[in-house]
Amino acid sequence: MSNSKIFRGAGRIISAASAVIAMFGCVSVSAADAAVPHTMAEHCGYLEWGQYRHCDGGTGSTVMLDVQDVWGNIYHYCVGPGVTDLQPVIRWRVTGAWWNGGVGCAPGYYGPA
């Protein structure tokens, strides 16, 4: 058997395996994942330029964030589902934001940590 026949056969096997993996990968999406209002290409969390996307899976939850400015100061900000612009209420350039463990707060700025 020549090498070209081996490579063609291997290519067919890889193509068939890829199709099977893709088919089962699509079937394994859960109902909770289907309810998420964002696409997988969109990033959750800090988005740069003072924006934060809270991905809640359709529950409507709110979370408390620690927001850091360019000087290292930390502020508390509560956000709901979707994208929130954190920059307008913080004087200096926002450089990061992360969930600090708080849930069930009223959305808005809470001041310095």
PDB file of N, CA and C in Angstrom:
ATOM      1  N   MET A   1       0.851  -1.163   0.000  1.00  0.00           N
ATOM      2  CA  MET A   1       0.000   0.000   0.000  1.00  0.00           C
ATOM      3  C   MET A   1       0.902   1.232   0.000  1.00  0.00           C
ATOM      4  N   SER A   2       0.595   2.203  -0.848  1.00  0.00           N
ATOM      5  CA  SER A   2       1.431   3.397  -0.954  1.00  0.00           C
ATOM      6  C   SER A   2       1.081   4.378   0.166  1.00  0.00           C
ATOM      7  N   ASN A   3       2.023   5.299   0.397  1.00  0.00           N
ATOM      8  CA  ASN A   3       1.829   6.302   1.448  1.00  0.00           C
ATOM      9  C   ASN A   3       0.647   7.215   1.151  1.00  0.00           C
ATOM     10  N   SER A   4       0.394   7.538  -0.127  1.00  0.00           N
ATOM     11  CA  SER A   4      -0.717   8.436  -0.446  1.00  0.00           C
ATOM     12  C   SER A   4      -2.059   7.805  -0.082  1.00  0.00           C
ATOM     13  N   LYS A   5      -2.199   6.484  -0.251  1.00  0.00           N
ATOM     14  CA  LYS A   5      -3.439   5.814   0.130  1.00  0.00           C
ATOM     15  C   LYS A   5      -3.621   5.820   1.645  1.00  0.00           C
ATOM     16  N   ILE A   6      -2.532   5.666   2.361  1.00  0.00           N
ATOM     17  CA  ILE A   6      -2.603   5.682   3.831  1.00  0.00           C
ATOM     18  C   ILE A   6      -3.057   7.062   4.306  1.00  0.00           C
ATOM     19  N   PHE A   7      -2.457   8.125   3.731  1.00  0.00           N
ATOM     20  CA  PHE A   7      -2.815   9.479   4.139  1.00  0.00           C
ATOM     21  C   PHE A   7      -4.259   9.815   3.781  1.00  0.00           C
ATOM     22  N   ARG A   8      -4.734   9.367   2.603  1.00  0.00           N
ATOM     23  CA  ARG A   8      -6.122   9.616   2.232  1.00  0.00           C
ATOM     24  C   ARG A   8      -7.069   8.898   3.183  1.00  0.00           C
ATOM     25  N   GLY A   9      -6.744   7.669   3.550  1.00  0.00           N
ATOM     26  CA  GLY A   9      -7.583   6.904   4.485  1.00  0.00           C
ATOM     27  C   GLY A   9      -7.602   7.549   5.860  1.00  0.00           C
ATOM     28  N   ALA A  10      -6.443   8.018   6.314  1.00  0.00           N
ATOM     29  CA  ALA A  10      -6.369   8.682   7.616  1.00  0.00           C
ATOM     30  C   ALA A  10      -7.165   9.981   7.600  1.00  0.00           C
ATOM     31  N   GLY A  11      -7.101  10.703   6.493  1.00  0.00           N
ATOM     32  CA  GLY A  11      -7.866  11.944   6.369  1.00  0.00           C
ATOM     33  C   GLY A  11      -9.356  11.701   6.448  1.00  0.00           C
ATOM     34  N   ARG A  12      -9.825  10.621   5.824  1.00  0.00           N
ATOM     35  CA  ARG A  12     -11.257  10.287   5.870  1.00  0.00           C
ATOM     36  C   ARG A  12     -11.685   9.940   7.292  1.00  0.00           C
ATOM     37  N   ILE A  13     -10.846   9.205   8.010  1.00  0.00           N
ATOM     38  CA  ILE A  13     -11.169   8.823   9.390  1.00  0.00           C
ATOM     39  C   ILE A  13     -11.240  10.064  10.280  1.00  0.00           C
ATOM     40  N   ILE A  14     -10.286  10.969  10.110  1.00  0.00           N
ATOM     41  CA  ILE A  14     -10.266  12.195  10.910  1.00  0.00           C
ATOM     42  C   ILE A  14     -11.488  13.047  10.593  1.00  0.00           C
ATOM     43  N   SER A  15     -11.848  13.151   9.327  1.00  0.00           N
ATOM     44  CA  SER A  15     -13.031  13.928   8.949  1.00  0.00           C
ATOM     45  C   SER A  15     -14.294  13.342   9.556  1.00  0.00           C
ATOM     46  N   ALA A  16     -14.438  12.022   9.492  1.00  0.00           N
ATOM     47  CA  ALA A  16     -15.620  11.364  10.056  1.00  0.00           C
ATOM     48  C   ALA A  16     -15.660  11.543  11.572  1.00  0.00           C
ATOM     49  N   ALA A  17     -14.521  11.399  12.227  1.00  0.00           N
ATOM     50  CA  ALA A  17     -14.465  11.572  13.683  1.00  0.00           C
ATOM     51  C   ALA A  17     -14.809  13.006  14.072  1.00  0.00           C
ATOM     52  N   SER A  18     -14.329  13.974  13.315  1.00  0.00           N
ATOM     53  CA  SER A  18     -14.643  15.373  13.595  1.00  0.00           C
ATOM     54  C   SER A  18     -16.132  15.640  13.463  1.00  0.00           C
ATOM     55  N   ALA A  19     -16.765  15.047  12.462  1.00  0.00           N
ATOM     56  CA  ALA A  19     -18.204  15.230  12.263  1.00  0.00           C
ATOM     57  C   ALA A  19     -18.989  14.631  13.430  1.00  0.00           C
ATOM     58  N   VAL A  20     -18.571  13.457  13.914  1.00  0.00           N
ATOM     59  CA  VAL A  20     -19.258  12.816  15.040  1.00  0.00           C
ATOM     60  C   VAL A  20     -19.087  13.654  16.304  1.00  0.00           C
ATOM     61  N   ILE A  21     -17.888  14.158  16.555  1.00  0.00           N
ATOM     62  CA  ILE A  21     -17.636  14.992  17.735  1.00  0.00           C
ATOM     63  C   ILE A  21     -18.467  16.264  17.669  1.00  0.00           C
ATOM     64  N   ALA A  22     -18.511  16.895  16.521  1.00  0.00           N
ATOM     65  CA  ALA A  22     -19.299  18.116  16.365  1.00  0.00           C
ATOM     66  C   ALA A  22     -20.784  17.843  16.594  1.00  0.00           C
ATOM     67  N   MET A  23     -21.275  16.699  16.102  1.00  0.00           N
ATOM     68  CA  MET A  23     -22.681  16.357  16.251  1.00  0.00           C
ATOM     69  C   MET A  23     -23.031  16.150  17.726  1.00  0.00           C
ATOM     70  N   PHE A  24     -22.219  15.402  18.459  1.00  0.00           N
ATOM     71  CA  PHE A  24     -22.515  15.157  19.863  1.00  0.00           C
ATOM     72  C   PHE A  24     -22.247  16.387  20.718  1.00  0.00           C
ATOM     73  N   GLY A  25     -21.311  17.220  20.329  1.00  0.00           N
ATOM     74  CA  GLY A  25     -21.043  18.458  21.062  1.00  0.00           C
ATOM     75  C   GLY A  25     -22.245  19.380  21.028  1.00  0.00           C
ATOM     76  N   CYS A  26     -22.950  19.433  19.905  1.00  0.00           N
ATOM     77  CA  CYS A  26     -24.135  20.284  19.789  1.00  0.00           C
ATOM     78  C   CYS A  26     -25.298  19.732  20.585  1.00  0.00           C
ATOM     79  N   VAL A  27     -25.403  18.425  20.696  1.00  0.00           N
ATOM     80  CA  VAL A  27     -26.499  17.799  21.408  1.00  0.00           C
ATOM     81  C   VAL A  27     -26.355  17.979  22.914  1.00  0.00           C
ATOM     82  N   SER A  28     -25.128  18.109  23.419  1.00  0.00           N
ATOM     83  CA  SER A  28     -24.902  18.143  24.856  1.00  0.00           C
ATOM     84  C   SER A  28     -25.164  19.506  25.496  1.00  0.00           C
ATOM     85  N   VAL A  29     -25.657  20.499  24.770  1.00  0.00           N
ATOM     86  CA  VAL A  29     -25.972  21.810  25.337  1.00  0.00           C
ATOM     87  C   VAL A  29     -27.180  21.667  26.243  1.00  0.00           C
ATOM     88  N   SER A  30     -27.046  22.120  27.484  1.00  0.00           N
ATOM     89  CA  SER A  30     -28.144  21.984  28.444  1.00  0.00           C
ATOM     90  C   SER A  30     -29.158  23.111  28.273  1.00  0.00           C
ATOM     91  N   ALA A  31     -30.312  22.960  28.893  1.00  0.00           N
ATOM     92  CA  ALA A  31     -31.356  23.979  28.830  1.00  0.00           C
ATOM     93  C   ALA A  31     -30.905  25.263  29.511  1.00  0.00           C
ATOM     94  N   ALA A  32     -30.115  25.147  30.582  1.00  0.00           N
ATOM     95  CA  ALA A  32     -29.617  26.341  31.276  1.00  0.00           C
ATOM     96  C   ALA A  32     -28.682  27.130  30.372  1.00  0.00           C
ATOM     97  N   ASP A  33     -27.844  26.440  29.619  1.00  0.00           N
ATOM     98  CA  ASP A  33     -26.950  27.130  28.703  1.00  0.00           C
ATOM     99  C   ASP A  33     -27.724  27.811  27.582  1.00  0.00           C
ATOM    100  N   ALA A  34     -28.803  27.219  27.151  1.00  0.00           N
ATOM    101  CA  ALA A  34     -29.598  27.793  26.073  1.00  0.00           C
ATOM    102  C   ALA A  34     -30.292  29.077  26.513  1.00  0.00           C
ATOM    103  N   ALA A  35     -30.521  29.243  27.817  1.00  0.00           N
ATOM    104  CA  ALA A  35     -31.223  30.419  28.326  1.00  0.00           C
ATOM    105  C   ALA A  35     -30.303  31.630  28.499  1.00  0.00           C
ATOM    106  N   VAL A  36     -28.991  31.429  28.405  1.00  0.00           N
ATOM    107  CA  VAL A  36     -28.050  32.521  28.592  1.00  0.00           C
ATOM    108  C   VAL A  36     -28.200  33.501  27.434  1.00  0.00           C
ATOM    109  N   PRO A  37     -28.416  34.816  27.713  1.00  0.00           N
ATOM    110  CA  PRO A  37     -28.705  35.773  26.656  1.00  0.00           C
ATOM    111  C   PRO A  37     -27.490  36.265  25.884  1.00  0.00           C
ATOM    112  N   HIS A  38     -26.319  35.722  26.102  1.00  0.00           N
ATOM    113  CA  HIS A  38     -25.133  36.145  25.359  1.00  0.00           C
ATOM    114  C   HIS A  38     -24.581  34.976  24.570  1.00  0.00           C
ATOM    115  N   THR A  39     -23.760  35.268  23.578  1.00  0.00           N
ATOM    116  CA  THR A  39     -23.158  34.200  22.794  1.00  0.00           C
ATOM    117  C   THR A  39     -21.852  33.780  23.438  1.00  0.00           C
ATOM    118  N   MET A  40     -21.377  32.616  23.070  1.00  0.00           N
ATOM    119  CA  MET A  40     -20.140  32.105  23.645  1.00  0.00           C
ATOM    120  C   MET A  40     -18.944  32.963  23.245  1.00  0.00           C
ATOM    121  N   ALA A  41     -19.063  33.731  22.171  1.00  0.00           N
ATOM    122  CA  ALA A  41     -17.971  34.595  21.736  1.00  0.00           C
ATOM    123  C   ALA A  41     -17.826  35.801  22.649  1.00  0.00           C
ATOM    124  N   GLU A  42     -18.875  36.144  23.395  1.00  0.00           N
ATOM    125  CA  GLU A  42     -18.818  37.285  24.292  1.00  0.00           C
ATOM    126  C   GLU A  42     -18.208  36.862  25.619  1.00  0.00           C
ATOM    127  N   HIS A  43     -17.345  37.691  26.136  1.00  0.00           N
ATOM    128  CA  HIS A  43     -16.633  37.424  27.371  1.00  0.00           C
ATOM    129  C   HIS A  43     -17.432  37.923  28.572  1.00  0.00           C
ATOM    130  N   CYS A  44     -17.472  37.169  29.639  1.00  0.00           N
ATOM    131  CA  CYS A  44     -18.108  37.606  30.884  1.00  0.00           C
ATOM    132  C   CYS A  44     -17.023  38.158  31.805  1.00  0.00           C
ATOM    133  N   GLY A  45     -17.384  39.135  32.613  1.00  0.00           N
ATOM    134  CA  GLY A  45     -16.429  39.745  33.531  1.00  0.00           C
ATOM    135  C   GLY A  45     -15.980  41.098  33.017  1.00  0.00           C
ATOM    136  N   TYR A  46     -14.778  41.519  33.409  1.00  0.00           N
ATOM    137  CA  TYR A  46     -14.271  42.832  33.023  1.00  0.00           C
ATOM    138  C   TYR A  46     -13.939  42.856  31.534  1.00  0.00           C
ATOM    139  N   LEU A  47     -14.455  43.874  30.832  1.00  0.00           N
ATOM    140  CA  LEU A  47     -14.331  43.935  29.374  1.00  0.00           C
ATOM    141  C   LEU A  47     -13.345  44.988  28.871  1.00  0.00           C
ATOM    142  N   GLU A  48     -12.606  45.641  29.733  1.00  0.00           N
ATOM    143  CA  GLU A  48     -11.742  46.758  29.350  1.00  0.00           C
ATOM    144  C   GLU A  48     -12.562  48.033  29.264  1.00  0.00           C
ATOM    145  N   TRP A  49     -11.896  49.142  29.279  1.00  0.00           N
ATOM    146  CA  TRP A  49     -12.499  50.471  29.164  1.00  0.00           C
ATOM    147  C   TRP A  49     -13.626  50.704  30.164  1.00  0.00           C
ATOM    148  N   GLY A  50     -13.503  50.125  31.351  1.00  0.00           N
ATOM    149  CA  GLY A  50     -14.449  50.395  32.420  1.00  0.00           C
ATOM    150  C   GLY A  50     -15.786  49.702  32.304  1.00  0.00           C
ATOM    151  N   GLN A  51     -15.889  48.646  31.499  1.00  0.00           N
ATOM    152  CA  GLN A  51     -17.156  47.936  31.347  1.00  0.00           C
ATOM    153  C   GLN A  51     -17.056  46.537  31.930  1.00  0.00           C
ATOM    154  N   TYR A  52     -18.171  46.077  32.481  1.00  0.00           N
ATOM    155  CA  TYR A  52     -18.244  44.747  33.100  1.00  0.00           C
ATOM    156  C   TYR A  52     -19.512  44.051  32.620  1.00  0.00           C
ATOM    157  N   ARG A  53     -19.379  42.805  32.154  1.00  0.00           N
ATOM    158  CA  ARG A  53     -20.545  42.020  31.723  1.00  0.00           C
ATOM    159  C   ARG A  53     -20.816  40.951  32.776  1.00  0.00           C
ATOM    160  N   HIS A  54     -22.019  41.054  33.412  1.00  0.00           N
ATOM    161  CA  HIS A  54     -22.458  40.053  34.386  1.00  0.00           C
ATOM    162  C   HIS A  54     -23.326  39.039  33.650  1.00  0.00           C
ATOM    163  N   CYS A  55     -22.846  37.823  33.552  1.00  0.00           N
ATOM    164  CA  CYS A  55     -23.577  36.729  32.911  1.00  0.00           C
ATOM    165  C   CYS A  55     -24.267  35.933  34.006  1.00  0.00           C
ATOM    166  N   ASP A  56     -25.572  36.057  34.108  1.00  0.00           N
ATOM    167  CA  ASP A  56     -26.310  35.458  35.220  1.00  0.00           C
ATOM    168  C   ASP A  56     -27.084  34.200  34.843  1.00  0.00           C
ATOM    169  N   GLY A  57     -27.041  33.791  33.603  1.00  0.00           N
ATOM    170  CA  GLY A  57     -27.761  32.588  33.179  1.00  0.00           C
ATOM    171  C   GLY A  57     -29.270  32.751  33.192  1.00  0.00           C
ATOM    172  N   GLY A  58     -29.747  33.988  33.139  1.00  0.00           N
ATOM    173  CA  GLY A  58     -31.178  34.235  33.092  1.00  0.00           C
ATOM    174  C   GLY A  58     -31.853  34.314  34.443  1.00  0.00           C
ATOM    175  N   THR A  59     -31.097  34.348  35.538  1.00  0.00           N
ATOM    176  CA  THR A  59     -31.695  34.372  36.879  1.00  0.00           C
ATOM    177  C   THR A  59     -32.052  35.775  37.352  1.00  0.00           C
ATOM    178  N   GLY A  60     -31.467  36.802  36.757  1.00  0.00           N
ATOM    179  CA  GLY A  60     -31.730  38.173  37.186  1.00  0.00           C
ATOM    180  C   GLY A  60     -30.967  38.577  38.434  1.00  0.00           C
ATOM    181  N   SER A  61     -29.947  37.827  38.791  1.00  0.00           N
ATOM    182  CA  SER A  61     -29.194  38.102  40.013  1.00  0.00           C
ATOM    183  C   SER A  61     -28.337  39.356  39.884  1.00  0.00           C
ATOM    184  N   THR A  62     -28.001  39.932  41.025  1.00  0.00           N
ATOM    185  CA  THR A  62     -27.070  41.057  41.085  1.00  0.00           C
ATOM    186  C   THR A  62     -25.867  40.635  41.912  1.00  0.00           C
ATOM    187  N   VAL A  63     -24.698  41.193  41.581  1.00  0.00           N
ATOM    188  CA  VAL A  63     -23.472  40.851  42.303  1.00  0.00           C
ATOM    189  C   VAL A  63     -22.692  42.113  42.649  1.00  0.00           C
ATOM    190  N   MET A  64     -21.954  42.047  43.753  1.00  0.00           N
ATOM    191  CA  MET A  64     -21.115  43.155  44.186  1.00  0.00           C
ATOM    192  C   MET A  64     -19.707  42.950  43.632  1.00  0.00           C
ATOM    193  N   LEU A  65     -19.178  44.016  43.030  1.00  0.00           N
ATOM    194  CA  LEU A  65     -17.834  43.976  42.450  1.00  0.00           C
ATOM    195  C   LEU A  65     -16.871  44.829  43.256  1.00  0.00           C
ATOM    196  N   ASP A  66     -15.608  44.458  43.197  1.00  0.00           N
ATOM    197  CA  ASP A  66     -14.519  45.344  43.590  1.00  0.00           C
ATOM    198  C   ASP A  66     -13.988  45.917  42.289  1.00  0.00           C
ATOM    199  N   VAL A  67     -13.916  47.237  42.211  1.00  0.00           N
ATOM    200  CA  VAL A  67     -13.467  47.926  41.003  1.00  0.00           C
ATOM    201  C   VAL A  67     -12.193  48.685  41.352  1.00  0.00           C
ATOM    202  N   GLN A  68     -11.162  48.516  40.533  1.00  0.00           N
ATOM    203  CA  GLN A  68      -9.870  49.149  40.798  1.00  0.00           C
ATOM    204  C   GLN A  68      -9.589  50.245  39.776  1.00  0.00           C
ATOM    205  N   ASP A  69      -9.086  51.387  40.275  1.00  0.00           N
ATOM    206  CA  ASP A  69      -8.710  52.462  39.362  1.00  0.00           C
ATOM    207  C   ASP A  69      -7.211  52.396  39.079  1.00  0.00           C
ATOM    208  N   VAL A  70      -6.738  53.312  38.261  1.00  0.00           N
ATOM    209  CA  VAL A  70      -5.349  53.312  37.812  1.00  0.00           C
ATOM    210  C   VAL A  70      -4.359  53.480  38.968  1.00  0.00           C
ATOM    211  N   TRP A  71      -4.790  54.062  40.077  1.00  0.00           N
ATOM    212  CA  TRP A  71      -3.913  54.264  41.238  1.00  0.00           C
ATOM    213  C   TRP A  71      -3.981  53.125  42.241  1.00  0.00           C
ATOM    214  N   GLY A  72      -4.777  52.106  41.969  1.00  0.00           N
ATOM    215  CA  GLY A  72      -4.893  50.958  42.867  1.00  0.00           C
ATOM    216  C   GLY A  72      -5.994  51.095  43.895  1.00  0.00           C
ATOM    217  N   ASN A  73      -6.757  52.181  43.876  1.00  0.00           N
ATOM    218  CA  ASN A  73      -7.883  52.350  44.796  1.00  0.00           C
ATOM    219  C   ASN A  73      -8.992  51.365  44.440  1.00  0.00           C
ATOM    220  N   ILE A  74      -9.672  50.841  45.458  1.00  0.00           N
ATOM    221  CA  ILE A  74     -10.740  49.867  45.259  1.00  0.00           C
ATOM    222  C   ILE A  74     -12.077  50.491  45.656  1.00  0.00           C
ATOM    223  N   TYR A  75     -13.100  50.251  44.829  1.00  0.00           N
ATOM    224  CA  TYR A  75     -14.450  50.751  45.056  1.00  0.00           C
ATOM    225  C   TYR A  75     -15.418  49.587  44.958  1.00  0.00           C
ATOM    226  N   HIS A  76     -16.574  49.716  45.603  1.00  0.00           N
ATOM    227  CA  HIS A  76     -17.637  48.713  45.504  1.00  0.00           C
ATOM    228  C   HIS A  76     -18.693  49.209  44.522  1.00  0.00           C
ATOM    229  N   TYR A  77     -19.117  48.301  43.635  1.00  0.00           N
ATOM    230  CA  TYR A  77     -20.135  48.625  42.638  1.00  0.00           C
ATOM    231  C   TYR A  77     -20.983  47.372  42.433  1.00  0.00           C
ATOM    232  N   CYS A  78     -22.298  47.501  42.562  1.00  0.00           N
ATOM    233  CA  CYS A  78     -23.211  46.383  42.352  1.00  0.00           C
ATOM    234  C   CYS A  78     -23.754  46.450  40.925  1.00  0.00           C
ATOM    235  N   VAL A  79     -23.745  45.312  40.231  1.00  0.00           N
ATOM    236  CA  VAL A  79     -24.233  45.261  38.853  1.00  0.00           C
ATOM    237  C   VAL A  79     -25.276  44.164  38.688  1.00  0.00           C
ATOM    238  N   GLY A  80     -26.182  44.392  37.764  1.00  0.00           N
ATOM    239  CA  GLY A  80     -27.174  43.396  37.380  1.00  0.00           C
ATOM    240  C   GLY A  80     -26.738  42.713  36.094  1.00  0.00           C
ATOM    241  N   PRO A  81     -27.597  41.890  35.505  1.00  0.00           N
ATOM    242  CA  PRO A  81     -27.262  41.179  34.271  1.00  0.00           C
ATOM    243  C   PRO A  81     -26.959  42.138  33.125  1.00  0.00           C
ATOM    244  N   GLY A  82     -26.066  41.714  32.257  1.00  0.00           N
ATOM    245  CA  GLY A  82     -25.717  42.507  31.083  1.00  0.00           C
ATOM    246  C   GLY A  82     -24.455  43.324  31.310  1.00  0.00           C
ATOM    247  N   VAL A  83     -24.245  44.309  30.431  1.00  0.00           N
ATOM    248  CA  VAL A  83     -23.041  45.137  30.467  1.00  0.00           C
ATOM    249  C   VAL A  83     -23.318  46.417  31.245  1.00  0.00           C
ATOM    250  N   THR A  84     -22.419  46.745  32.179  1.00  0.00           N
ATOM    251  CA  THR A  84     -22.511  47.967  32.967  1.00  0.00           C
ATOM    252  C   THR A  84     -21.249  48.778  32.750  1.00  0.00           C
ATOM    253  N   ASP A  85     -21.409  50.075  32.495  1.00  0.00           N
ATOM    254  CA  ASP A  85     -20.267  50.986  32.373  1.00  0.00           C
ATOM    255  C   ASP A  85     -19.932  51.496  33.770  1.00  0.00           C
ATOM    256  N   LEU A  86     -18.784  51.092  34.304  1.00  0.00           N
ATOM    257  CA  LEU A  86     -18.367  51.455  35.655  1.00  0.00           C
ATOM    258  C   LEU A  86     -17.659  52.804  35.707  1.00  0.00           C
ATOM    259  N   GLN A  87     -17.170  53.271  34.589  1.00  0.00           N
ATOM    260  CA  GLN A  87     -16.306  54.447  34.547  1.00  0.00           C
ATOM    261  C   GLN A  87     -16.965  55.770  34.954  1.00  0.00           C
ATOM    262  N   PRO A  88     -18.198  56.063  34.600  1.00  0.00           N
ATOM    263  CA  PRO A  88     -18.735  57.404  34.860  1.00  0.00           C
ATOM    264  C   PRO A  88     -18.715  57.848  36.323  1.00  0.00           C
ATOM    265  N   VAL A  89     -18.810  56.934  37.273  1.00  0.00           N
ATOM    266  CA  VAL A  89     -18.862  57.339  38.677  1.00  0.00           C
ATOM    267  C   VAL A  89     -17.518  57.235  39.396  1.00  0.00           C
ATOM    268  N   ILE A  90     -16.521  56.691  38.742  1.00  0.00           N
ATOM    269  CA  ILE A  90     -15.194  56.563  39.350  1.00  0.00           C
ATOM    270  C   ILE A  90     -14.272  57.582  38.688  1.00  0.00           C
ATOM    271  N   ARG A  91     -13.640  58.424  39.516  1.00  0.00           N
ATOM    272  CA  ARG A  91     -12.896  59.580  39.016  1.00  0.00           C
ATOM    273  C   ARG A  91     -11.731  59.215  38.092  1.00  0.00           C
ATOM    274  N   TRP A  92     -10.931  58.240  38.488  1.00  0.00           N
ATOM    275  CA  TRP A  92      -9.762  57.859  37.696  1.00  0.00           C
ATOM    276  C   TRP A  92     -10.075  56.656  36.828  1.00  0.00           C
ATOM    277  N   ARG A  93      -9.259  56.428  35.836  1.00  0.00           N
ATOM    278  CA  ARG A  93      -9.419  55.343  34.865  1.00  0.00           C
ATOM    279  C   ARG A  93      -9.561  53.989  35.553  1.00  0.00           C
ATOM    280  N   VAL A  94     -10.639  53.254  35.248  1.00  0.00           N
ATOM    281  CA  VAL A  94     -10.855  51.903  35.773  1.00  0.00           C
ATOM    282  C   VAL A  94      -9.914  50.946  35.051  1.00  0.00           C
ATOM    283  N   THR A  95      -9.192  50.117  35.826  1.00  0.00           N
ATOM    284  CA  THR A  95      -8.250  49.173  35.233  1.00  0.00           C
ATOM    285  C   THR A  95      -8.648  47.719  35.465  1.00  0.00           C
ATOM    286  N   GLY A  96      -9.656  47.491  36.292  1.00  0.00           N
ATOM    287  CA  GLY A  96     -10.082  46.119  36.540  1.00  0.00           C
ATOM    288  C   GLY A  96     -11.309  46.065  37.420  1.00  0.00           C
ATOM    289  N   ALA A  97     -12.026  44.952  37.346  1.00  0.00           N
ATOM    290  CA  ALA A  97     -13.196  44.722  38.190  1.00  0.00           C
ATOM    291  C   ALA A  97     -13.384  43.224  38.332  1.00  0.00           C
ATOM    292  N   TRP A  98     -13.795  42.790  39.527  1.00  0.00           N
ATOM    293  CA  TRP A  98     -14.003  41.379  39.784  1.00  0.00           C
ATOM    294  C   TRP A  98     -15.061  41.217  40.867  1.00  0.00           C
ATOM    295  N   TRP A  99     -15.713  40.053  40.848  1.00  0.00           N
ATOM    296  CA  TRP A  99     -16.751  39.733  41.821  1.00  0.00           C
ATOM    297  C   TRP A  99     -16.101  39.507  43.167  1.00  0.00           C
ATOM    298  N   ASN A 100     -16.635  40.124  44.223  1.00  0.00           N
ATOM    299  CA  ASN A 100     -16.045  39.972  45.553  1.00  0.00           C
ATOM    300  C   ASN A 100     -16.828  39.013  46.445  1.00  0.00           C
ATOM    301  N   GLY A 101     -17.828  38.330  45.905  1.00  0.00           N
ATOM    302  CA  GLY A 101     -18.584  37.340  46.662  1.00  0.00           C
ATOM    303  C   GLY A 101     -19.962  37.814  47.093  1.00  0.00           C
ATOM    304  N   GLY A 102     -20.232  39.109  46.993  1.00  0.00           N
ATOM    305  CA  GLY A 102     -21.529  39.635  47.394  1.00  0.00           C
ATOM    306  C   GLY A 102     -22.603  39.406  46.344  1.00  0.00           C
ATOM    307  N   VAL A 103     -23.806  39.064  46.796  1.00  0.00           N
ATOM    308  CA  VAL A 103     -24.943  38.864  45.880  1.00  0.00           C
ATOM    309  C   VAL A 103     -26.181  39.538  46.461  1.00  0.00           C
ATOM    310  N   GLY A 104     -27.175  39.793  45.623  1.00  0.00           N
ATOM    311  CA  GLY A 104     -28.456  40.317  46.057  1.00  0.00           C
ATOM    312  C   GLY A 104     -28.437  41.782  46.463  1.00  0.00           C
ATOM    313  N   CYS A 105     -27.550  42.567  45.908  1.00  0.00           N
ATOM    314  CA  CYS A 105     -27.455  43.986  46.242  1.00  0.00           C
ATOM    315  C   CYS A 105     -28.304  44.806  45.264  1.00  0.00           C
ATOM    316  N   ALA A 106     -28.510  46.072  45.605  1.00  0.00           N
ATOM    317  CA  ALA A 106     -29.210  46.987  44.694  1.00  0.00           C
ATOM    318  C   ALA A 106     -28.183  47.585  43.735  1.00  0.00           C
ATOM    319  N   PRO A 107     -28.382  47.470  42.425  1.00  0.00           N
ATOM    320  CA  PRO A 107     -27.388  47.958  41.462  1.00  0.00           C
ATOM    321  C   PRO A 107     -27.034  49.433  41.673  1.00  0.00           C
ATOM    322  N   GLY A 108     -25.739  49.718  41.588  1.00  0.00           N
ATOM    323  CA  GLY A 108     -25.255  51.078  41.718  1.00  0.00           C
ATOM    324  C   GLY A 108     -23.906  51.149  42.406  1.00  0.00           C
ATOM    325  N   TYR A 109     -23.415  52.362  42.533  1.00  0.00           N
ATOM    326  CA  TYR A 109     -22.114  52.643  43.148  1.00  0.00           C
ATOM    327  C   TYR A 109     -22.257  52.681  44.659  1.00  0.00           C
ATOM    328  N   TYR A 110     -21.352  52.010  45.376  1.00  0.00           N
ATOM    329  CA  TYR A 110     -21.408  51.949  46.840  1.00  0.00           C
ATOM    330  C   TYR A 110     -20.247  52.682  47.506  1.00  0.00           C
ATOM    331  N   GLY A 111     -19.311  53.228  46.739  1.00  0.00           N
ATOM    332  CA  GLY A 111     -18.222  54.006  47.317  1.00  0.00           C
ATOM    333  C   GLY A 111     -16.940  53.223  47.515  1.00  0.00           C
ATOM    334  N   PRO A 112     -15.950  53.865  48.144  1.00  0.00           N
ATOM    335  CA  PRO A 112     -14.649  53.234  48.376  1.00  0.00           C
ATOM    336  C   PRO A 112     -14.764  52.011  49.287  1.00  0.00           C
ATOM    337  N   ALA A 113     -13.889  51.071  49.071  1.00  0.00           N
ATOM    338  CA  ALA A 113     -13.869  49.850  49.888  1.00  0.00           C
ATOM    339  C   ALA A 113     -13.287  50.126  51.253  1.00  0.00           C
TER     340      ALA A 113
END
